[in-house]
Amino acid sequence: MNHRFRYVFAAAGTAAALALTGCGGGGDGPEAGEQTSEVRVALIANANNLPLLVADANGYFVDEGLEVTLEPVQNLGALAGAMGKQYDLGSSTIADVILQQQQGLDLVIATGVAEESADNPTVGVLVPGDSPIESVEDLEGKTIAAATLGGNLHPSVVNWLIGGGVSADSVTITEIPFPNMADQLANGRVDAVESLEPFRGQLLASGARELVNPLTRISDPVAFVSLMATGEFVENNPDALAKFTSALERAAEFIAEDEVAARAVLSDSTQLPEEVVKSVTLPTYTTSIDPDEVALWAKVLEENGQLQGSASDVDPAKIYPAGKQG
């Protein structure tokens, strides 16, 4: 069944006080079958990708014998077509890769980066503190702000609405950058927002209420930020990927052991104000992903009316090749 929510697209501002402007890399990747120690990574430079920033700043990639180039970007929506050309790895989600494979793209999940859990939440659907909205049913006929329609946050919100029996025809989804959501919510232009850190924390501190963590409805914990690559790159470069993953795991350990120093890296990499960097909730970082999540996200997309065919048609091993070994 298709669930058609009404979408309003807004072009105001950029989608990221958390993002840095990046330049596209040039040149083609390694020839088929050729091993590489050079890895070009496209990412949003924010707290969700802190292990990459720390691994780069602390020389962990170099220690592994890798030449890693991190290229911050603002728009992940156009990234899929650049994989295997400008970039070897890129920020993505399981949901995105499922949909991209259905479009015929040779993309897979290469590794996890961060996960969301009820014990350490970083996302949520929020309303003003004095809003009469108390539950998913109360969003019937309302307007919700979403920063992007891709990824896994918005699809999980749509799934929450559908699961709550909210009529898709009655809900308006308006695309608004995260930094602009607080003003839109305060001015009554939207009734609820899909938020993440540091904006979620700022909204809560100003008196907003959280209705749900839509991601942990899917699974708890649940993979939040992952890195995608072409299937060809993953197949041809197992050693480079193993070394890259090792560097991320070392970075995650560093963040856990010295959060102050890790936040300093975040500040240097993002140019965010010091008070924001100090207050942001850091996600839980892990490179591992439960392979069963592929089937869960396929089911979510099917229920949302986004999937071609049935969720049972999605082969988890083709979406996350490493999962068949997990």
C-alpha atoms as a PDB file:
ATOM      1  CA  MET A   1       0.000   0.000   0.000  1.00  0.00           C
ATOM      2  CA  ASN A   2       1.275   3.469  -0.849  1.00  0.00           C
ATOM      3  CA  HIS A   3       1.097   6.135   1.840  1.00  0.00           C
ATOM      4  CA  ARG A   4       1.356   9.551   0.211  1.00  0.00           C
ATOM      5  CA  PHE A   5       2.174  12.297   2.668  1.00  0.00           C
ATOM      6  CA  ARG A   6       2.014  15.857   1.380  1.00  0.00           C
ATOM      7  CA  TYR A   7       5.488  17.347   1.018  1.00  0.00           C
ATOM      8  CA  VAL A   8       6.433  21.019   0.902  1.00  0.00           C
ATOM      9  CA  PHE A   9       9.996  21.783  -0.174  1.00  0.00           C
ATOM     10  CA  ALA A  10      11.776  24.780   1.325  1.00  0.00           C
ATOM     11  CA  ALA A  11      15.065  26.099   0.000  1.00  0.00           C
ATOM     12  CA  ALA A  12      15.858  28.360   2.945  1.00  0.00           C
ATOM     13  CA  GLY A  13      19.395  28.115   4.280  1.00  0.00           C
ATOM     14  CA  THR A  14      21.790  25.206   4.169  1.00  0.00           C
ATOM     15  CA  ALA A  15      21.068  21.878   5.776  1.00  0.00           C
ATOM     16  CA  ALA A  16      23.859  22.154   8.221  1.00  0.00           C
ATOM     17  CA  ALA A  17      25.343  24.266  10.866  1.00  0.00           C
ATOM     18  CA  LEU A  18      26.978  20.920  11.503  1.00  0.00           C
ATOM     19  CA  ALA A  19      28.358  20.634   7.972  1.00  0.00           C
ATOM     20  CA  LEU A  20      31.437  22.047   6.318  1.00  0.00           C
ATOM     21  CA  THR A  21      31.548  22.991   2.651  1.00  0.00           C
ATOM     22  CA  GLY A  22      33.650  20.491   0.739  1.00  0.00           C
ATOM     23  CA  CYS A  23      35.204  20.320  -2.714  1.00  0.00           C
ATOM     24  CA  GLY A  24      34.689  17.304  -4.938  1.00  0.00           C
ATOM     25  CA  GLY A  25      37.689  15.115  -5.528  1.00  0.00           C
ATOM     26  CA  GLY A  26      38.806  14.348  -9.053  1.00  0.00           C
ATOM     27  CA  GLY A  27      39.960  11.324 -10.927  1.00  0.00           C
ATOM     28  CA  ASP A  28      38.782   7.769 -11.140  1.00  0.00           C
ATOM     29  CA  GLY A  29      39.179   5.067  -8.522  1.00  0.00           C
ATOM     30  CA  PRO A  30      41.458   2.039  -8.790  1.00  0.00           C
ATOM     31  CA  GLU A  31      41.055  -0.311 -11.714  1.00  0.00           C
ATOM     32  CA  ALA A  32      38.896  -3.375 -11.177  1.00  0.00           C
ATOM     33  CA  GLY A  33      40.695  -5.947  -9.057  1.00  0.00           C
ATOM     34  CA  GLU A  34      43.380  -3.474  -7.988  1.00  0.00           C
ATOM     35  CA  GLN A  35      44.054  -3.095  -4.256  1.00  0.00           C
ATOM     36  CA  THR A  36      44.338   0.431  -2.909  1.00  0.00           C
ATOM     37  CA  SER A  37      45.651   2.177   0.187  1.00  0.00           C
ATOM     38  CA  GLU A  38      44.073   5.473  -0.855  1.00  0.00           C
ATOM     39  CA  VAL A  39      40.541   5.959   0.430  1.00  0.00           C
ATOM     40  CA  ARG A  40      38.419   9.006  -0.393  1.00  0.00           C
ATOM     41  CA  VAL A  41      35.555   9.574   2.017  1.00  0.00           C
ATOM     42  CA  ALA A  42      32.585  11.930   1.707  1.00  0.00           C
ATOM     43  CA  LEU A  43      30.871  12.776   4.976  1.00  0.00           C
ATOM     44  CA  ILE A  44      28.896  15.330   6.921  1.00  0.00           C
ATOM     45  CA  ALA A  45      31.436  16.709   9.391  1.00  0.00           C
ATOM     46  CA  ASN A  46      29.455  16.407  12.599  1.00  0.00           C
ATOM     47  CA  ALA A  47      29.259  14.488  15.856  1.00  0.00           C
ATOM     48  CA  ASN A  48      27.772  11.440  14.129  1.00  0.00           C
ATOM     49  CA  ASN A  49      30.998  11.010  12.164  1.00  0.00           C
ATOM     50  CA  LEU A  50      33.372  11.937  14.972  1.00  0.00           C
ATOM     51  CA  PRO A  51      35.322   8.639  14.765  1.00  0.00           C
ATOM     52  CA  LEU A  52      36.397   9.539  11.218  1.00  0.00           C
ATOM     53  CA  LEU A  53      37.488  13.001  12.329  1.00  0.00           C
ATOM     54  CA  VAL A  54      39.396  11.603  15.321  1.00  0.00           C
ATOM     55  CA  ALA A  55      41.042   8.840  13.281  1.00  0.00           C
ATOM     56  CA  ASP A  56      42.240  11.460  10.816  1.00  0.00           C
ATOM     57  CA  ALA A  57      43.379  13.980  13.440  1.00  0.00           C
ATOM     58  CA  ASN A  58      45.171  11.379  15.569  1.00  0.00           C
ATOM     59  CA  GLY A  59      46.908   9.657  12.667  1.00  0.00           C
ATOM     60  CA  TYR A  60      45.136   6.315  13.056  1.00  0.00           C
ATOM     61  CA  PHE A  61      44.597   5.946   9.323  1.00  0.00           C
ATOM     62  CA  VAL A  62      48.285   6.605   8.687  1.00  0.00           C
ATOM     63  CA  ASP A  63      49.163   4.028  11.359  1.00  0.00           C
ATOM     64  CA  GLU A  64      47.174   1.500   9.336  1.00  0.00           C
ATOM     65  CA  GLY A  65      49.091   2.359   6.171  1.00  0.00           C
ATOM     66  CA  LEU A  66      46.175   4.198   4.577  1.00  0.00           C
ATOM     67  CA  GLU A  67      46.062   7.526   2.769  1.00  0.00           C
ATOM     68  CA  VAL A  68      42.594   8.747   3.711  1.00  0.00           C
ATOM     69  CA  THR A  69      41.071  11.951   2.386  1.00  0.00           C
ATOM     70  CA  LEU A  70      37.986  13.215   4.209  1.00  0.00           C
ATOM     71  CA  GLU A  71      35.846  15.495   2.083  1.00  0.00           C
ATOM     72  CA  PRO A  72      33.018  17.203   3.998  1.00  0.00           C
ATOM     73  CA  VAL A  73      29.872  17.682   1.927  1.00  0.00           C
ATOM     74  CA  GLN A  74      26.538  19.344   2.594  1.00  0.00           C
ATOM     75  CA  ASN A  75      24.195  17.285   0.456  1.00  0.00           C
ATOM     76  CA  LEU A  76      24.245  13.518   0.790  1.00  0.00           C
ATOM     77  CA  GLY A  77      21.382  13.201  -1.676  1.00  0.00           C
ATOM     78  CA  ALA A  78      23.703  13.562  -4.669  1.00  0.00           C
ATOM     79  CA  LEU A  79      26.393  11.286  -3.251  1.00  0.00           C
ATOM     80  CA  ALA A  80      25.282   7.938  -4.658  1.00  0.00           C
ATOM     81  CA  GLY A  81      26.241   8.809  -8.226  1.00  0.00           C
ATOM     82  CA  ALA A  82      29.726   9.877  -7.131  1.00  0.00           C
ATOM     83  CA  MET A  83      30.609   6.605  -5.418  1.00  0.00           C
ATOM     84  CA  GLY A  84      33.412   4.753  -7.181  1.00  0.00           C
ATOM     85  CA  LYS A  85      34.282   7.937  -9.063  1.00  0.00           C
ATOM     86  CA  GLN A  86      34.900  10.879  -6.738  1.00  0.00           C
ATOM     87  CA  TYR A  87      34.605   8.858  -3.537  1.00  0.00           C
ATOM     88  CA  ASP A  88      35.300   5.359  -2.275  1.00  0.00           C
ATOM     89  CA  LEU A  89      33.238   5.608   0.928  1.00  0.00           C
ATOM     90  CA  GLY A  90      30.354   7.914   1.768  1.00  0.00           C
ATOM     91  CA  SER A  91      27.947   8.591   4.625  1.00  0.00           C
ATOM     92  CA  SER A  92      24.691   6.710   4.179  1.00  0.00           C
ATOM     93  CA  THR A  93      22.108   4.486   5.847  1.00  0.00           C
ATOM     94  CA  ILE A  94      20.754   1.002   5.349  1.00  0.00           C
ATOM     95  CA  ALA A  95      17.446   2.442   4.108  1.00  0.00           C
ATOM     96  CA  ASP A  96      19.196   4.568   1.489  1.00  0.00           C
ATOM     97  CA  VAL A  97      21.277   1.682   0.163  1.00  0.00           C
ATOM     98  CA  ILE A  98      18.216  -0.560  -0.137  1.00  0.00           C
ATOM     99  CA  LEU A  99      16.483   2.071  -2.268  1.00  0.00           C
ATOM    100  CA  GLN A 100      19.628   2.793  -4.291  1.00  0.00           C
ATOM    101  CA  GLN A 101      20.093  -0.883  -5.123  1.00  0.00           C
ATOM    102  CA  GLN A 102      16.489  -0.974  -6.311  1.00  0.00           C
ATOM    103  CA  GLN A 103      17.422   1.820  -8.714  1.00  0.00           C
ATOM    104  CA  GLY A 104      20.148  -0.404 -10.131  1.00  0.00           C
ATOM    105  CA  LEU A 105      23.132   1.185  -8.380  1.00  0.00           C
ATOM    106  CA  ASP A 106      26.026  -1.003  -7.272  1.00  0.00           C
ATOM    107  CA  LEU A 107      26.089   0.252  -3.680  1.00  0.00           C
ATOM    108  CA  VAL A 108      26.431  -1.613  -0.383  1.00  0.00           C
ATOM    109  CA  ILE A 109      26.938  -0.848   3.284  1.00  0.00           C
ATOM    110  CA  ALA A 110      30.667  -1.118   4.003  1.00  0.00           C
ATOM    111  CA  THR A 111      30.732  -0.466   7.766  1.00  0.00           C
ATOM    112  CA  GLY A 112      28.837   1.113  10.595  1.00  0.00           C
ATOM    113  CA  VAL A 113      29.893   4.349  12.292  1.00  0.00           C
ATOM    114  CA  ALA A 114      27.281   5.238  14.925  1.00  0.00           C
ATOM    115  CA  GLU A 115      24.135   3.722  16.376  1.00  0.00           C
ATOM    116  CA  GLU A 116      21.077   5.095  18.123  1.00  0.00           C
ATOM    117  CA  SER A 117      19.784   3.609  21.374  1.00  0.00           C
ATOM    118  CA  ALA A 118      17.196   4.408  24.021  1.00  0.00           C
ATOM    119  CA  ASP A 119      20.035   4.609  26.552  1.00  0.00           C
ATOM    120  CA  ASN A 120      21.833   7.328  24.577  1.00  0.00           C
ATOM    121  CA  PRO A 121      19.284   9.112  22.366  1.00  0.00           C
ATOM    122  CA  THR A 122      20.315  11.774  19.849  1.00  0.00           C
ATOM    123  CA  VAL A 123      17.185  12.106  17.673  1.00  0.00           C
ATOM    124  CA  GLY A 124      13.501  12.695  18.245  1.00  0.00           C
ATOM    125  CA  VAL A 125      10.215  14.203  17.104  1.00  0.00           C
ATOM    126  CA  LEU A 126       9.623  17.348  19.164  1.00  0.00           C
ATOM    127  CA  VAL A 127       6.750  19.764  19.734  1.00  0.00           C
ATOM    128  CA  PRO A 128       6.521  23.021  21.710  1.00  0.00           C
ATOM    129  CA  GLY A 129       6.190  22.548  25.448  1.00  0.00           C
ATOM    130  CA  ASP A 130       2.683  24.031  25.462  1.00  0.00           C
ATOM    131  CA  SER A 131       1.510  22.138  22.378  1.00  0.00           C
ATOM    132  CA  PRO A 132      -1.739  20.167  22.709  1.00  0.00           C
ATOM    133  CA  ILE A 133      -0.085  17.370  20.718  1.00  0.00           C
ATOM    134  CA  GLU A 134       0.496  14.445  23.058  1.00  0.00           C
ATOM    135  CA  SER A 135       0.608  11.411  20.773  1.00  0.00           C
ATOM    136  CA  VAL A 136       1.013  10.297  17.195  1.00  0.00           C
ATOM    137  CA  GLU A 137      -2.765  10.457  16.678  1.00  0.00           C
ATOM    138  CA  ASP A 138      -2.707  14.181  17.474  1.00  0.00           C
ATOM    139  CA  LEU A 139      -0.520  14.834  14.400  1.00  0.00           C
ATOM    140  CA  GLU A 140      -3.476  14.208  12.102  1.00  0.00           C
ATOM    141  CA  GLY A 141      -3.813  17.348   9.969  1.00  0.00           C
ATOM    142  CA  LYS A 142      -0.554  18.866  11.255  1.00  0.00           C
ATOM    143  CA  THR A 143       2.691  20.029   9.637  1.00  0.00           C
ATOM    144  CA  ILE A 144       6.017  18.337  10.411  1.00  0.00           C
ATOM    145  CA  ALA A 145       9.463  19.715   9.545  1.00  0.00           C
ATOM    146  CA  ALA A 146      12.038  17.313   8.096  1.00  0.00           C
ATOM    147  CA  ALA A 147      15.601  18.248   7.158  1.00  0.00           C
ATOM    148  CA  THR A 148      15.758  15.620   4.426  1.00  0.00           C
ATOM    149  CA  LEU A 149      13.416  13.025   3.023  1.00  0.00           C
ATOM    150  CA  GLY A 150      16.168  10.437   2.687  1.00  0.00           C
ATOM    151  CA  GLY A 151      18.365   8.830   5.314  1.00  0.00           C
ATOM    152  CA  ASN A 152      16.671   6.835   8.050  1.00  0.00           C
ATOM    153  CA  LEU A 153      15.251   9.510  10.371  1.00  0.00           C
ATOM    154  CA  HIS A 154      12.412  10.659   8.117  1.00  0.00           C
ATOM    155  CA  PRO A 155      11.411   7.164   6.917  1.00  0.00           C
ATOM    156  CA  SER A 156      11.240   6.080  10.567  1.00  0.00           C
ATOM    157  CA  VAL A 157       8.962   9.052  11.342  1.00  0.00           C
ATOM    158  CA  VAL A 158       6.702   8.196   8.403  1.00  0.00           C
ATOM    159  CA  ASN A 159       6.546   4.613   9.648  1.00  0.00           C
ATOM    160  CA  TRP A 160       5.606   5.833  13.128  1.00  0.00           C
ATOM    161  CA  LEU A 161       2.780   7.927  11.670  1.00  0.00           C
ATOM    162  CA  ILE A 162       1.482   5.043   9.569  1.00  0.00           C
ATOM    163  CA  GLY A 163       1.716   2.660  12.520  1.00  0.00           C
ATOM    164  CA  GLY A 164      -0.284   5.125  14.599  1.00  0.00           C
ATOM    165  CA  GLY A 165      -3.079   5.217  12.083  1.00  0.00           C
ATOM    166  CA  VAL A 166      -2.433   8.798  11.005  1.00  0.00           C
ATOM    167  CA  SER A 167      -3.917   9.584   7.606  1.00  0.00           C
ATOM    168  CA  ALA A 168      -1.121  10.326   5.159  1.00  0.00           C
ATOM    169  CA  ASP A 169      -3.346  12.716   3.228  1.00  0.00           C
ATOM    170  CA  SER A 170      -3.738  14.898   6.299  1.00  0.00           C
ATOM    171  CA  VAL A 171      -0.072  15.408   7.164  1.00  0.00           C
ATOM    172  CA  THR A 172       2.126  18.012   5.495  1.00  0.00           C
ATOM    173  CA  ILE A 173       5.889  17.387   5.521  1.00  0.00           C
ATOM    174  CA  THR A 174       7.903  20.555   4.937  1.00  0.00           C
ATOM    175  CA  GLU A 175      11.637  20.377   4.244  1.00  0.00           C
ATOM    176  CA  ILE A 176      13.473  22.766   6.584  1.00  0.00           C
ATOM    177  CA  PRO A 177      17.171  22.729   7.570  1.00  0.00           C
ATOM    178  CA  PHE A 178      17.874  21.616  11.132  1.00  0.00           C
ATOM    179  CA  PRO A 179      19.221  25.033  12.248  1.00  0.00           C
ATOM    180  CA  ASN A 180      15.983  26.757  11.142  1.00  0.00           C
ATOM    181  CA  MET A 181      13.559  24.396  12.853  1.00  0.00           C
ATOM    182  CA  ALA A 182      13.516  26.062  16.269  1.00  0.00           C
ATOM    183  CA  ASP A 183      12.300  29.378  14.839  1.00  0.00           C
ATOM    184  CA  GLN A 184       9.704  27.676  12.648  1.00  0.00           C
ATOM    185  CA  LEU A 185       8.420  25.717  15.632  1.00  0.00           C
ATOM    186  CA  ALA A 186       8.334  28.772  17.901  1.00  0.00           C
ATOM    187  CA  ASN A 187       6.493  30.826  15.292  1.00  0.00           C
ATOM    188  CA  GLY A 188       3.880  28.143  14.767  1.00  0.00           C
ATOM    189  CA  ARG A 189       4.743  27.564  11.114  1.00  0.00           C
ATOM    190  CA  VAL A 190       5.202  23.872  11.865  1.00  0.00           C
ATOM    191  CA  ASP A 191       3.628  21.747  14.579  1.00  0.00           C
ATOM    192  CA  ALA A 192       6.473  19.279  15.088  1.00  0.00           C
ATOM    193  CA  VAL A 193      10.060  18.760  13.973  1.00  0.00           C
ATOM    194  CA  GLU A 194      12.316  15.794  13.248  1.00  0.00           C
ATOM    195  CA  SER A 195      15.456  16.794  15.130  1.00  0.00           C
ATOM    196  CA  LEU A 196      18.919  15.521  15.995  1.00  0.00           C
ATOM    197  CA  GLU A 197      21.848  16.741  18.065  1.00  0.00           C
ATOM    198  CA  PRO A 198      22.883  19.419  18.783  1.00  0.00           C
ATOM    199  CA  PHE A 199      19.541  20.936  17.774  1.00  0.00           C
ATOM    200  CA  ARG A 200      17.494  18.367  19.686  1.00  0.00           C
ATOM    201  CA  GLY A 201      19.309  19.241  22.913  1.00  0.00           C
ATOM    202  CA  GLN A 202      18.847  22.958  22.337  1.00  0.00           C
ATOM    203  CA  LEU A 203      15.129  22.492  21.727  1.00  0.00           C
ATOM    204  CA  LEU A 204      14.710  20.391  24.858  1.00  0.00           C
ATOM    205  CA  ALA A 205      16.617  22.984  26.883  1.00  0.00           C
ATOM    206  CA  SER A 206      14.234  25.686  25.622  1.00  0.00           C
ATOM    207  CA  GLY A 207      11.203  23.739  26.828  1.00  0.00           C
ATOM    208  CA  ALA A 208      10.228  21.598  23.841  1.00  0.00           C
ATOM    209  CA  ARG A 209       8.789  18.125  24.453  1.00  0.00           C
ATOM    210  CA  GLU A 210       9.812  14.915  22.737  1.00  0.00           C
ATOM    211  CA  LEU A 211       7.035  12.674  21.466  1.00  0.00           C
ATOM    212  CA  VAL A 212       9.086   9.723  20.257  1.00  0.00           C
ATOM    213  CA  ASN A 213      12.473   8.469  19.219  1.00  0.00           C
ATOM    214  CA  PRO A 214      11.400   7.085  15.831  1.00  0.00           C
ATOM    215  CA  LEU A 215      14.653   5.228  15.192  1.00  0.00           C
ATOM    216  CA  THR A 216      14.553   3.055  18.299  1.00  0.00           C
ATOM    217  CA  ARG A 217      11.024   2.003  17.305  1.00  0.00           C
ATOM    218  CA  ILE A 218      12.686   0.113  14.466  1.00  0.00           C
ATOM    219  CA  SER A 219      15.273  -1.548  16.660  1.00  0.00           C
ATOM    220  CA  ASP A 220      17.103  -0.788  19.908  1.00  0.00           C
ATOM    221  CA  PRO A 221      19.936  -0.271  19.312  1.00  0.00           C
ATOM    222  CA  VAL A 222      19.705   0.586  15.632  1.00  0.00           C
ATOM    223  CA  ALA A 223      22.384   1.524  13.103  1.00  0.00           C
ATOM    224  CA  PHE A 224      22.214   5.282  12.598  1.00  0.00           C
ATOM    225  CA  VAL A 225      25.163   6.388  10.467  1.00  0.00           C
ATOM    226  CA  SER A 226      26.958   3.995   8.125  1.00  0.00           C
ATOM    227  CA  LEU A 227      29.400   4.218   5.252  1.00  0.00           C
ATOM    228  CA  MET A 228      28.488   2.981   1.799  1.00  0.00           C
ATOM    229  CA  ALA A 229      30.719   1.957  -1.084  1.00  0.00           C
ATOM    230  CA  THR A 230      30.325   0.289  -4.430  1.00  0.00           C
ATOM    231  CA  GLY A 231      30.104  -3.461  -4.257  1.00  0.00           C
ATOM    232  CA  GLU A 232      33.152  -3.581  -6.493  1.00  0.00           C
ATOM    233  CA  PHE A 233      35.225  -1.520  -4.070  1.00  0.00           C
ATOM    234  CA  VAL A 234      34.236  -3.710  -1.125  1.00  0.00           C
ATOM    235  CA  GLU A 235      35.021  -6.905  -3.030  1.00  0.00           C
ATOM    236  CA  ASN A 236      38.375  -5.660  -4.341  1.00  0.00           C
ATOM    237  CA  ASN A 237      39.668  -3.986  -1.176  1.00  0.00           C
ATOM    238  CA  PRO A 238      39.037  -6.183   1.877  1.00  0.00           C
ATOM    239  CA  ASP A 239      42.420  -5.325   3.421  1.00  0.00           C
ATOM    240  CA  ALA A 240      41.936  -1.567   3.074  1.00  0.00           C
ATOM    241  CA  LEU A 241      38.442  -1.809   4.543  1.00  0.00           C
ATOM    242  CA  ALA A 242      39.670  -3.920   7.447  1.00  0.00           C
ATOM    243  CA  LYS A 243      42.365  -1.340   8.194  1.00  0.00           C
ATOM    244  CA  PHE A 244      39.897   1.527   7.838  1.00  0.00           C
ATOM    245  CA  THR A 245      37.497  -0.176  10.239  1.00  0.00           C
ATOM    246  CA  SER A 246      40.322  -0.840  12.682  1.00  0.00           C
ATOM    247  CA  ALA A 247      41.159   2.872  12.703  1.00  0.00           C
ATOM    248  CA  LEU A 248      37.502   3.752  13.389  1.00  0.00           C
ATOM    249  CA  GLU A 249      37.364   1.281  16.274  1.00  0.00           C
ATOM    250  CA  ARG A 250      40.523   2.783  17.745  1.00  0.00           C
ATOM    251  CA  ALA A 251      38.981   6.241  17.394  1.00  0.00           C
ATOM    252  CA  ALA A 252      35.810   5.088  19.176  1.00  0.00           C
ATOM    253  CA  GLU A 253      37.945   3.863  22.065  1.00  0.00           C
ATOM    254  CA  PHE A 254      39.741   7.218  22.182  1.00  0.00           C
ATOM    255  CA  ILE A 255      36.423   9.110  22.291  1.00  0.00           C
ATOM    256  CA  ALA A 256      35.213   6.935  25.173  1.00  0.00           C
ATOM    257  CA  GLU A 257      38.444   7.414  27.102  1.00  0.00           C
ATOM    258  CA  ASP A 258      39.062  11.125  26.461  1.00  0.00           C
ATOM    259  CA  GLU A 259      35.822  12.875  25.575  1.00  0.00           C
ATOM    260  CA  VAL A 260      37.311  16.323  26.186  1.00  0.00           C
ATOM    261  CA  ALA A 261      40.025  15.775  23.593  1.00  0.00           C
ATOM    262  CA  ALA A 262      37.505  14.217  21.210  1.00  0.00           C
ATOM    263  CA  ARG A 263      35.239  17.247  21.514  1.00  0.00           C
ATOM    264  CA  ALA A 264      38.245  19.440  20.741  1.00  0.00           C
ATOM    265  CA  VAL A 265      38.641  17.550  17.470  1.00  0.00           C
ATOM    266  CA  LEU A 266      34.936  18.095  16.770  1.00  0.00           C
ATOM    267  CA  SER A 267      35.331  21.815  17.428  1.00  0.00           C
ATOM    268  CA  ASP A 268      38.380  22.113  15.181  1.00  0.00           C
ATOM    269  CA  SER A 269      36.721  20.128  12.383  1.00  0.00           C
ATOM    270  CA  THR A 270      33.332  21.848  12.389  1.00  0.00           C
ATOM    271  CA  GLN A 271      34.084  25.358  13.662  1.00  0.00           C
ATOM    272  CA  LEU A 272      31.009  25.062  15.850  1.00  0.00           C
ATOM    273  CA  PRO A 273      30.871  27.350  18.898  1.00  0.00           C
ATOM    274  CA  GLU A 274      32.592  25.887  21.932  1.00  0.00           C
ATOM    275  CA  GLU A 275      29.399  25.952  24.019  1.00  0.00           C
ATOM    276  CA  VAL A 276      27.590  23.926  21.357  1.00  0.00           C
ATOM    277  CA  VAL A 277      30.364  21.359  21.128  1.00  0.00           C
ATOM    278  CA  LYS A 278      30.402  20.992  24.910  1.00  0.00           C
ATOM    279  CA  SER A 279      26.653  20.427  25.119  1.00  0.00           C
ATOM    280  CA  VAL A 280      26.078  18.091  22.179  1.00  0.00           C
ATOM    281  CA  THR A 281      25.200  14.502  23.049  1.00  0.00           C
ATOM    282  CA  LEU A 282      27.717  12.221  21.382  1.00  0.00           C
ATOM    283  CA  PRO A 283      26.247   9.115  19.738  1.00  0.00           C
ATOM    284  CA  THR A 284      27.317   5.592  20.541  1.00  0.00           C
ATOM    285  CA  TYR A 285      30.040   4.675  18.080  1.00  0.00           C
ATOM    286  CA  THR A 286      30.405   1.197  16.642  1.00  0.00           C
ATOM    287  CA  THR A 287      31.436  -0.280  13.320  1.00  0.00           C
ATOM    288  CA  SER A 288      29.252  -3.364  13.773  1.00  0.00           C
ATOM    289  CA  ILE A 289      25.732  -3.655  12.408  1.00  0.00           C
ATOM    290  CA  ASP A 290      23.208  -6.355  13.184  1.00  0.00           C
ATOM    291  CA  PRO A 291      22.594  -8.007   9.784  1.00  0.00           C
ATOM    292  CA  ASP A 292      18.938  -8.512  10.768  1.00  0.00           C
ATOM    293  CA  GLU A 293      18.472  -4.753  10.525  1.00  0.00           C
ATOM    294  CA  VAL A 294      18.514  -4.967   6.739  1.00  0.00           C
ATOM    295  CA  ALA A 295      15.300  -6.986   6.815  1.00  0.00           C
ATOM    296  CA  LEU A 296      13.821  -4.592   9.378  1.00  0.00           C
ATOM    297  CA  TRP A 297      14.478  -1.551   7.186  1.00  0.00           C
ATOM    298  CA  ALA A 298      13.186  -3.337   4.105  1.00  0.00           C
ATOM    299  CA  LYS A 299       9.949  -3.949   6.012  1.00  0.00           C
ATOM    300  CA  VAL A 300       9.795  -0.283   7.071  1.00  0.00           C
ATOM    301  CA  LEU A 301      10.210   0.867   3.477  1.00  0.00           C
ATOM    302  CA  GLU A 302       7.582  -1.613   2.318  1.00  0.00           C
ATOM    303  CA  GLU A 303       5.112  -0.353   4.934  1.00  0.00           C
ATOM    304  CA  ASN A 304       5.914   3.221   3.887  1.00  0.00           C
ATOM    305  CA  GLY A 305       5.104   2.427   0.268  1.00  0.00           C
ATOM    306  CA  GLN A 306       8.679   3.225  -0.798  1.00  0.00           C
ATOM    307  CA  LEU A 307       9.822  -0.256  -1.752  1.00  0.00           C
ATOM    308  CA  GLN A 308       9.530  -1.884  -5.150  1.00  0.00           C
ATOM    309  CA  GLY A 309       8.042  -5.290  -4.540  1.00  0.00           C
ATOM    310  CA  SER A 310       8.150  -7.025  -1.191  1.00  0.00           C
ATOM    311  CA  ALA A 311      10.605  -6.773   1.709  1.00  0.00           C
ATOM    312  CA  SER A 312      11.230 -10.488   1.249  1.00  0.00           C
ATOM    313  CA  ASP A 313      12.749  -9.672  -2.143  1.00  0.00           C
ATOM    314  CA  VAL A 314      15.589  -7.711  -0.480  1.00  0.00           C
ATOM    315  CA  ASP A 315      18.678  -9.870   0.047  1.00  0.00           C
ATOM    316  CA  PRO A 316      20.469  -8.700   3.225  1.00  0.00           C
ATOM    317  CA  ALA A 317      23.762 -10.189   2.007  1.00  0.00           C
ATOM    318  CA  LYS A 318      23.651  -7.932  -1.042  1.00  0.00           C
ATOM    319  CA  ILE A 319      22.951  -4.819   1.033  1.00  0.00           C
ATOM    320  CA  TYR A 320      25.505  -5.542   3.763  1.00  0.00           C
ATOM    321  CA  PRO A 321      28.037  -8.113   2.495  1.00  0.00           C
ATOM    322  CA  ALA A 322      29.928  -8.180   5.804  1.00  0.00           C
ATOM    323  CA  GLY A 323      26.731  -9.219   7.563  1.00  0.00           C
ATOM    324  CA  LYS A 324      26.817 -12.724   6.136  1.00  0.00           C
ATOM    325  CA  GLN A 325      29.973 -13.238   8.195  1.00  0.00           C
ATOM    326  CA  GLY A 326      28.490 -11.696  11.342  1.00  0.00           C
END
